[in-house]
Structures are given as structure tokens and as C-alpha cells.
Amino acid sequence: MAPPRRTFTRAELETHRGQEVPDLLPGPDDPPLRLLFVGINPGLWTAATQTHFAHPTNRFYPALHAAGIIERPIDPAAGMTDADRDHLRSRGIGITNVVRRATARADELTTAEYREGGQRLRDLVERLAPRVVAVAGLTAYRSAFRQPRATGGRQADPWGGTEVWVVPNPSGLNAHDTPATLAEKYAAAARAAGVLGSS
């Protein structure tokens, strides 16, 4: 059963500024990692709940469910349950961030942080070798990997045996994509990873 939703005051959220959120990655008894989603950095709500993409207005988990990437709804606003995490791992899905420190907004991050985080991500992908890494945010991808002309979708240059995809940021602040278009673009990356069958 999901924990009850809660709210935070601005002062409570501010106490989590600068904190980190552990990556969601497979354990020794889990299936291999197939699809690694990469957020920009934790928001304060994410840091407060220690759960990726946790803000109530974030559309990440609804888009995953609509796409069929996960088989049941996940409501992370009060913090993910162990069963939620196990479900993601059982599907071969992991979650990390480009930059580890929590901020209220992504525009508080520096170029140096993006570049350092990009190298950390490359090292993680080399170690875990997922089929696909999907960076959720075009601006973050351009900044972290010095690709100013990159566009969304599958990128031309893989990282070793891992395909690199850029998918939309699911934040409620991203007005360019709807839940339906998010689901469509996430599903394309998931098909490439083998999480979803070909349509």
C-alpha cells in the first residue's frame, strides 16, 4: 500500500537543498539493467522523499504507466514503497541524475556541475552497460556532453554498446509536452531497450 500523500512547507523543502538521492539500480538478485532514465538533478521534493521524480506535478510515472513501461501506477509523492522500487528493477529500469545535488530549479546548476555529472554518468553506463540510457532533458544533455546542436530522440553516437536517447523532461514546468507525447517518446526508448516489444 502506498504511503499517504503529504505536503511540505517551503521552509521544510529548503532544509533539503544540496542533498543527494540514491540511484535506483539493480541489486545482485535483480534482472540486468536495460533502460537507465537520467533526470537533470533532484528537486527539493525529491530530496525530501528520497524518491526520483517525486513532485506531485511531475509526469514521469504517469507517462511510464501510459506507455506500458511499468505495469501498475506509481504515486511517489510521499515516497516510493519498496514494492514500487522492486517493480521498476524487475522491469530492468534504473534511475539516476546528471547532477547529484538537490536544488529548487535546474537553472541553479553550473556548467561545471553538468560536465562533472556527465562524466560520472558515462562512468556509470560503462560499468552497468544498459541497452539504453535516456536523458530526460535536452538542455541538460547539451550542457553535460558539449552537444549544443543535439536534438531529441536517439543520438548518432552510442556509448560503447549503449544507445543514447534524449527524451523530454517530465517536469510540470515543461509546457512543450503532454502526458501523451511523453509516453510516446519514453516508449520509443523503452522499445529500443527491450523493455517493450516492437509495435
C-alpha atoms as a PDB file:
ATOM      1  CA  MET A   1       0.000   0.000   0.000  1.00  0.00           C
ATOM      2  CA  ALA A   2       1.319   3.456  -0.912  1.00  0.00           C
ATOM      3  CA  PRO A   3       2.187   5.795   1.947  1.00  0.00           C
ATOM      4  CA  PRO A   4      -0.237   8.691   2.417  1.00  0.00           C
ATOM      5  CA  ARG A   5       0.485  11.793   0.367  1.00  0.00           C
ATOM      6  CA  ARG A   6       1.909  14.672   2.338  1.00  0.00           C
ATOM      7  CA  THR A   7       2.783  18.270   1.720  1.00  0.00           C
ATOM      8  CA  PHE A   8       5.840  20.273   2.674  1.00  0.00           C
ATOM      9  CA  THR A   9       6.171  23.902   3.589  1.00  0.00           C
ATOM     10  CA  ARG A  10       8.698  25.958   1.649  1.00  0.00           C
ATOM     11  CA  ALA A  11      10.845  26.113   4.789  1.00  0.00           C
ATOM     12  CA  GLU A  12      10.780  22.319   5.130  1.00  0.00           C
ATOM     13  CA  LEU A  13      11.757  21.859   1.491  1.00  0.00           C
ATOM     14  CA  GLU A  14      14.616  24.328   1.828  1.00  0.00           C
ATOM     15  CA  THR A  15      16.206  22.146   4.515  1.00  0.00           C
ATOM     16  CA  HIS A  16      16.819  19.524   1.797  1.00  0.00           C
ATOM     17  CA  ARG A  17      18.734  21.843  -0.531  1.00  0.00           C
ATOM     18  CA  GLY A  18      22.042  20.277  -1.585  1.00  0.00           C
ATOM     19  CA  GLN A  19      21.095  16.754  -0.523  1.00  0.00           C
ATOM     20  CA  GLU A  20      21.583  13.724  -2.772  1.00  0.00           C
ATOM     21  CA  VAL A  21      19.152  10.937  -3.665  1.00  0.00           C
ATOM     22  CA  PRO A  22      20.469   7.394  -4.124  1.00  0.00           C
ATOM     23  CA  ASP A  23      20.376   5.971  -7.629  1.00  0.00           C
ATOM     24  CA  LEU A  24      17.737   3.326  -8.282  1.00  0.00           C
ATOM     25  CA  LEU A  25      19.820   0.492  -9.746  1.00  0.00           C
ATOM     26  CA  PRO A  26      19.526  -3.296  -9.872  1.00  0.00           C
ATOM     27  CA  GLY A  27      20.790  -5.361  -6.984  1.00  0.00           C
ATOM     28  CA  PRO A  28      22.630  -8.688  -7.320  1.00  0.00           C
ATOM     29  CA  ASP A  29      19.368 -10.664  -7.490  1.00  0.00           C
ATOM     30  CA  ASP A  30      17.607  -8.362  -9.979  1.00  0.00           C
ATOM     31  CA  PRO A  31      17.429  -8.668 -13.776  1.00  0.00           C
ATOM     32  CA  PRO A  32      20.123  -6.776 -15.704  1.00  0.00           C
ATOM     33  CA  LEU A  33      19.650  -3.069 -16.271  1.00  0.00           C
ATOM     34  CA  ARG A  34      18.133  -2.438 -19.692  1.00  0.00           C
ATOM     35  CA  LEU A  35      16.891   1.152 -19.545  1.00  0.00           C
ATOM     36  CA  LEU A  36      18.520   3.864 -17.424  1.00  0.00           C
ATOM     37  CA  PHE A  37      16.487   7.065 -17.111  1.00  0.00           C
ATOM     38  CA  VAL A  38      18.514  10.154 -16.209  1.00  0.00           C
ATOM     39  CA  GLY A  39      16.956  13.214 -14.604  1.00  0.00           C
ATOM     40  CA  ILE A  40      18.650  16.604 -14.549  1.00  0.00           C
ATOM     41  CA  ASN A  41      19.073  16.798 -10.757  1.00  0.00           C
ATOM     42  CA  PRO A  42      16.880  16.165  -7.712  1.00  0.00           C
ATOM     43  CA  GLY A  43      14.289  18.768  -6.852  1.00  0.00           C
ATOM     44  CA  LEU A  44      13.686  19.619  -3.221  1.00  0.00           C
ATOM     45  CA  TRP A  45      10.578  17.401  -3.031  1.00  0.00           C
ATOM     46  CA  THR A  46      12.598  14.521  -4.471  1.00  0.00           C
ATOM     47  CA  ALA A  47      15.271  15.098  -1.834  1.00  0.00           C
ATOM     48  CA  ALA A  48      12.664  15.307   0.932  1.00  0.00           C
ATOM     49  CA  THR A  49      11.118  11.952  -0.043  1.00  0.00           C
ATOM     50  CA  GLN A  50      14.356  10.350  -1.331  1.00  0.00           C
ATOM     51  CA  THR A  51      12.384   9.384  -4.430  1.00  0.00           C
ATOM     52  CA  HIS A  52      13.221  10.361  -8.012  1.00  0.00           C
ATOM     53  CA  PHE A  53      10.700  12.493  -9.946  1.00  0.00           C
ATOM     54  CA  ALA A  54       8.562  12.729  -6.796  1.00  0.00           C
ATOM     55  CA  HIS A  55       6.911  16.149  -7.113  1.00  0.00           C
ATOM     56  CA  PRO A  56       3.114  15.785  -7.421  1.00  0.00           C
ATOM     57  CA  THR A  57       3.090  17.745 -10.710  1.00  0.00           C
ATOM     58  CA  ASN A  58       5.835  15.628 -12.282  1.00  0.00           C
ATOM     59  CA  ARG A  59       4.506  13.427 -15.084  1.00  0.00           C
ATOM     60  CA  PHE A  60       7.265  10.805 -15.175  1.00  0.00           C
ATOM     61  CA  TYR A  61       5.434   7.849 -13.612  1.00  0.00           C
ATOM     62  CA  PRO A  62       2.067   8.554 -15.286  1.00  0.00           C
ATOM     63  CA  ALA A  63       3.910   8.643 -18.626  1.00  0.00           C
ATOM     64  CA  LEU A  64       5.700   5.355 -17.866  1.00  0.00           C
ATOM     65  CA  HIS A  65       2.378   3.742 -16.996  1.00  0.00           C
ATOM     66  CA  ALA A  66       0.592   5.143 -20.064  1.00  0.00           C
ATOM     67  CA  ALA A  67       3.411   3.809 -22.253  1.00  0.00           C
ATOM     68  CA  GLY A  68       3.245   0.342 -20.705  1.00  0.00           C
ATOM     69  CA  ILE A  69       6.805   0.638 -19.400  1.00  0.00           C
ATOM     70  CA  ILE A  70       5.523  -0.050 -15.895  1.00  0.00           C
ATOM     71  CA  GLU A  71       2.535  -2.313 -15.381  1.00  0.00           C
ATOM     72  CA  ARG A  72       0.838  -0.509 -12.495  1.00  0.00           C
ATOM     73  CA  PRO A  73       0.567   3.095 -11.321  1.00  0.00           C
ATOM     74  CA  ILE A  74       3.225   4.523  -9.014  1.00  0.00           C
ATOM     75  CA  ASP A  75       2.432   7.580  -6.884  1.00  0.00           C
ATOM     76  CA  PRO A  76       5.780   8.686  -5.428  1.00  0.00           C
ATOM     77  CA  ALA A  77       4.730  11.998  -3.859  1.00  0.00           C
ATOM     78  CA  ALA A  78       5.015  10.648  -0.303  1.00  0.00           C
ATOM     79  CA  GLY A  79       7.995   8.457  -1.119  1.00  0.00           C
ATOM     80  CA  MET A  80       8.252   5.257  -3.113  1.00  0.00           C
ATOM     81  CA  THR A  81       7.474   1.959  -1.448  1.00  0.00           C
ATOM     82  CA  ASP A  82       9.871  -0.983  -1.577  1.00  0.00           C
ATOM     83  CA  ALA A  83       7.330  -2.697  -3.846  1.00  0.00           C
ATOM     84  CA  ASP A  84       7.489   0.265  -6.250  1.00  0.00           C
ATOM     85  CA  ARG A  85      11.270   0.076  -6.426  1.00  0.00           C
ATOM     86  CA  ASP A  86      11.168  -3.686  -6.875  1.00  0.00           C
ATOM     87  CA  HIS A  87       8.704  -3.303  -9.735  1.00  0.00           C
ATOM     88  CA  LEU A  88      10.982  -0.903 -11.592  1.00  0.00           C
ATOM     89  CA  ARG A  89      14.018  -3.122 -11.052  1.00  0.00           C
ATOM     90  CA  SER A  90      12.081  -6.194 -12.191  1.00  0.00           C
ATOM     91  CA  ARG A  91      11.420  -4.403 -15.483  1.00  0.00           C
ATOM     92  CA  GLY A  92      15.128  -3.695 -15.975  1.00  0.00           C
ATOM     93  CA  ILE A  93      14.675   0.028 -15.272  1.00  0.00           C
ATOM     94  CA  GLY A  94      17.047   2.273 -13.320  1.00  0.00           C
ATOM     95  CA  ILE A  95      17.018   5.980 -12.454  1.00  0.00           C
ATOM     96  CA  THR A  96      19.862   8.414 -11.808  1.00  0.00           C
ATOM     97  CA  ASN A  97      20.615  12.127 -12.338  1.00  0.00           C
ATOM     98  CA  VAL A  98      23.189  14.128 -14.249  1.00  0.00           C
ATOM     99  CA  VAL A  99      23.881  16.332 -11.217  1.00  0.00           C
ATOM    100  CA  ARG A 100      23.509  14.858  -7.758  1.00  0.00           C
ATOM    101  CA  ARG A 101      22.741  17.894  -5.554  1.00  0.00           C
ATOM    102  CA  ALA A 102      19.161  18.982  -4.956  1.00  0.00           C
ATOM    103  CA  THR A 103      18.024  22.469  -5.955  1.00  0.00           C
ATOM    104  CA  ALA A 104      14.687  24.218  -6.278  1.00  0.00           C
ATOM    105  CA  ARG A 105      15.240  24.733 -10.017  1.00  0.00           C
ATOM    106  CA  ALA A 106      17.600  23.301 -12.609  1.00  0.00           C
ATOM    107  CA  ASP A 107      18.740  26.788 -13.635  1.00  0.00           C
ATOM    108  CA  GLU A 108      20.646  26.969 -10.327  1.00  0.00           C
ATOM    109  CA  LEU A 109      23.187  24.460 -11.683  1.00  0.00           C
ATOM    110  CA  THR A 110      26.511  25.481 -13.200  1.00  0.00           C
ATOM    111  CA  THR A 111      28.088  24.354 -16.452  1.00  0.00           C
ATOM    112  CA  ALA A 112      30.904  22.780 -14.443  1.00  0.00           C
ATOM    113  CA  GLU A 113      28.375  20.693 -12.492  1.00  0.00           C
ATOM    114  CA  TYR A 114      26.789  19.499 -15.721  1.00  0.00           C
ATOM    115  CA  ARG A 115      30.163  18.495 -17.157  1.00  0.00           C
ATOM    116  CA  GLU A 116      31.262  16.711 -13.983  1.00  0.00           C
ATOM    117  CA  GLY A 117      27.910  14.941 -13.788  1.00  0.00           C
ATOM    118  CA  GLY A 118      28.141  13.954 -17.430  1.00  0.00           C
ATOM    119  CA  GLN A 119      31.456  12.220 -16.823  1.00  0.00           C
ATOM    120  CA  ARG A 120      30.048  10.439 -13.774  1.00  0.00           C
ATOM    121  CA  LEU A 121      27.134   9.245 -15.892  1.00  0.00           C
ATOM    122  CA  ARG A 122      29.455   7.976 -18.630  1.00  0.00           C
ATOM    123  CA  ASP A 123      31.400   6.015 -16.000  1.00  0.00           C
ATOM    124  CA  LEU A 124      28.191   4.544 -14.563  1.00  0.00           C
ATOM    125  CA  VAL A 125      26.956   3.484 -18.008  1.00  0.00           C
ATOM    126  CA  GLU A 126      30.310   1.902 -18.821  1.00  0.00           C
ATOM    127  CA  ARG A 127      30.123  -0.113 -15.593  1.00  0.00           C
ATOM    128  CA  LEU A 128      26.477  -1.227 -15.859  1.00  0.00           C
ATOM    129  CA  ALA A 129      26.140  -1.404 -19.676  1.00  0.00           C
ATOM    130  CA  PRO A 130      22.380  -0.852 -20.044  1.00  0.00           C
ATOM    131  CA  ARG A 131      20.975  -1.232 -23.541  1.00  0.00           C
ATOM    132  CA  VAL A 132      19.690   2.357 -23.489  1.00  0.00           C
ATOM    133  CA  VAL A 133      20.401   5.461 -21.443  1.00  0.00           C
ATOM    134  CA  ALA A 134      17.617   8.061 -21.727  1.00  0.00           C
ATOM    135  CA  VAL A 135      18.467  11.590 -20.606  1.00  0.00           C
ATOM    136  CA  ALA A 136      15.254  13.427 -19.685  1.00  0.00           C
ATOM    137  CA  GLY A 137      16.084  16.955 -20.729  1.00  0.00           C
ATOM    138  CA  LEU A 138      17.591  18.316 -23.940  1.00  0.00           C
ATOM    139  CA  THR A 139      19.270  21.336 -22.351  1.00  0.00           C
ATOM    140  CA  ALA A 140      20.907  19.144 -19.707  1.00  0.00           C
ATOM    141  CA  TYR A 141      22.202  16.757 -22.367  1.00  0.00           C
ATOM    142  CA  ARG A 142      23.616  19.595 -24.465  1.00  0.00           C
ATOM    143  CA  SER A 143      25.356  21.112 -21.431  1.00  0.00           C
ATOM    144  CA  ALA A 144      26.695  17.906 -19.886  1.00  0.00           C
ATOM    145  CA  PHE A 145      28.094  16.433 -23.090  1.00  0.00           C
ATOM    146  CA  ARG A 146      29.080  19.510 -25.103  1.00  0.00           C
ATOM    147  CA  GLN A 147      26.491  18.799 -27.779  1.00  0.00           C
ATOM    148  CA  PRO A 148      24.970  22.236 -28.441  1.00  0.00           C
ATOM    149  CA  ARG A 149      23.171  21.103 -31.606  1.00  0.00           C
ATOM    150  CA  ALA A 150      21.717  17.867 -30.221  1.00  0.00           C
ATOM    151  CA  THR A 151      18.042  17.195 -30.835  1.00  0.00           C
ATOM    152  CA  GLY A 152      15.648  14.795 -29.139  1.00  0.00           C
ATOM    153  CA  GLY A 153      15.452  11.079 -29.833  1.00  0.00           C
ATOM    154  CA  ARG A 154      18.193   8.528 -30.433  1.00  0.00           C
ATOM    155  CA  GLN A 155      21.630  10.111 -30.694  1.00  0.00           C
ATOM    156  CA  ALA A 156      24.011   9.200 -33.510  1.00  0.00           C
ATOM    157  CA  ASP A 157      26.917   8.159 -31.291  1.00  0.00           C
ATOM    158  CA  PRO A 158      26.380   5.322 -28.785  1.00  0.00           C
ATOM    159  CA  TRP A 159      28.427   4.986 -25.613  1.00  0.00           C
ATOM    160  CA  GLY A 160      30.070   1.674 -26.332  1.00  0.00           C
ATOM    161  CA  GLY A 161      27.230  -0.825 -26.620  1.00  0.00           C
ATOM    162  CA  THR A 162      24.663   1.544 -25.061  1.00  0.00           C
ATOM    163  CA  GLU A 163      22.297   3.582 -27.194  1.00  0.00           C
ATOM    164  CA  VAL A 164      21.889   7.177 -26.045  1.00  0.00           C
ATOM    165  CA  TRP A 165      18.452   8.780 -26.217  1.00  0.00           C
ATOM    166  CA  VAL A 166      17.302  12.271 -25.261  1.00  0.00           C
ATOM    167  CA  VAL A 167      13.686  12.338 -24.094  1.00  0.00           C
ATOM    168  CA  PRO A 168      11.587  15.234 -22.765  1.00  0.00           C
ATOM    169  CA  ASN A 169      11.825  16.494 -19.212  1.00  0.00           C
ATOM    170  CA  PRO A 170       8.645  15.336 -17.400  1.00  0.00           C
ATOM    171  CA  SER A 171       8.546  18.319 -15.040  1.00  0.00           C
ATOM    172  CA  GLY A 172       5.255  20.141 -14.850  1.00  0.00           C
ATOM    173  CA  LEU A 173       7.224  23.236 -15.914  1.00  0.00           C
ATOM    174  CA  ASN A 174       7.781  21.692 -19.376  1.00  0.00           C
ATOM    175  CA  ALA A 175       4.816  23.003 -21.355  1.00  0.00           C
ATOM    176  CA  HIS A 176       6.057  21.604 -24.673  1.00  0.00           C
ATOM    177  CA  ASP A 177       4.989  18.020 -23.971  1.00  0.00           C
ATOM    178  CA  THR A 178       1.741  16.483 -22.781  1.00  0.00           C
ATOM    179  CA  PRO A 179       1.453  13.215 -20.842  1.00  0.00           C
ATOM    180  CA  ALA A 180       0.571  11.530 -24.155  1.00  0.00           C
ATOM    181  CA  THR A 181       3.637  12.823 -26.009  1.00  0.00           C
ATOM    182  CA  LEU A 182       5.859  11.985 -23.036  1.00  0.00           C
ATOM    183  CA  ALA A 183       4.522   8.426 -23.071  1.00  0.00           C
ATOM    184  CA  GLU A 184       5.124   8.130 -26.808  1.00  0.00           C
ATOM    185  CA  LYS A 185       8.730   9.311 -26.585  1.00  0.00           C
ATOM    186  CA  TYR A 186       9.533   7.236 -23.500  1.00  0.00           C
ATOM    187  CA  ALA A 187       8.028   4.184 -25.204  1.00  0.00           C
ATOM    188  CA  ALA A 188      10.378   4.598 -28.168  1.00  0.00           C
ATOM    189  CA  ALA A 189      13.401   4.444 -25.869  1.00  0.00           C
ATOM    190  CA  ALA A 190      11.882   1.509 -23.981  1.00  0.00           C
ATOM    191  CA  ARG A 191      11.369  -0.449 -27.202  1.00  0.00           C
ATOM    192  CA  ALA A 192      15.000   0.122 -28.115  1.00  0.00           C
ATOM    193  CA  ALA A 193      15.965  -1.180 -24.662  1.00  0.00           C
ATOM    194  CA  GLY A 194      13.803  -4.292 -24.987  1.00  0.00           C
ATOM    195  CA  VAL A 195      11.564  -3.252 -22.083  1.00  0.00           C
ATOM    196  CA  LEU A 196       8.641  -3.012 -24.514  1.00  0.00           C
ATOM    197  CA  GLY A 197       8.060  -5.212 -27.543  1.00  0.00           C
ATOM    198  CA  SER A 198       8.216  -3.740 -31.037  1.00  0.00           C
ATOM    199  CA  SER A 199       4.941  -2.362 -32.287  1.00  0.00           C
END
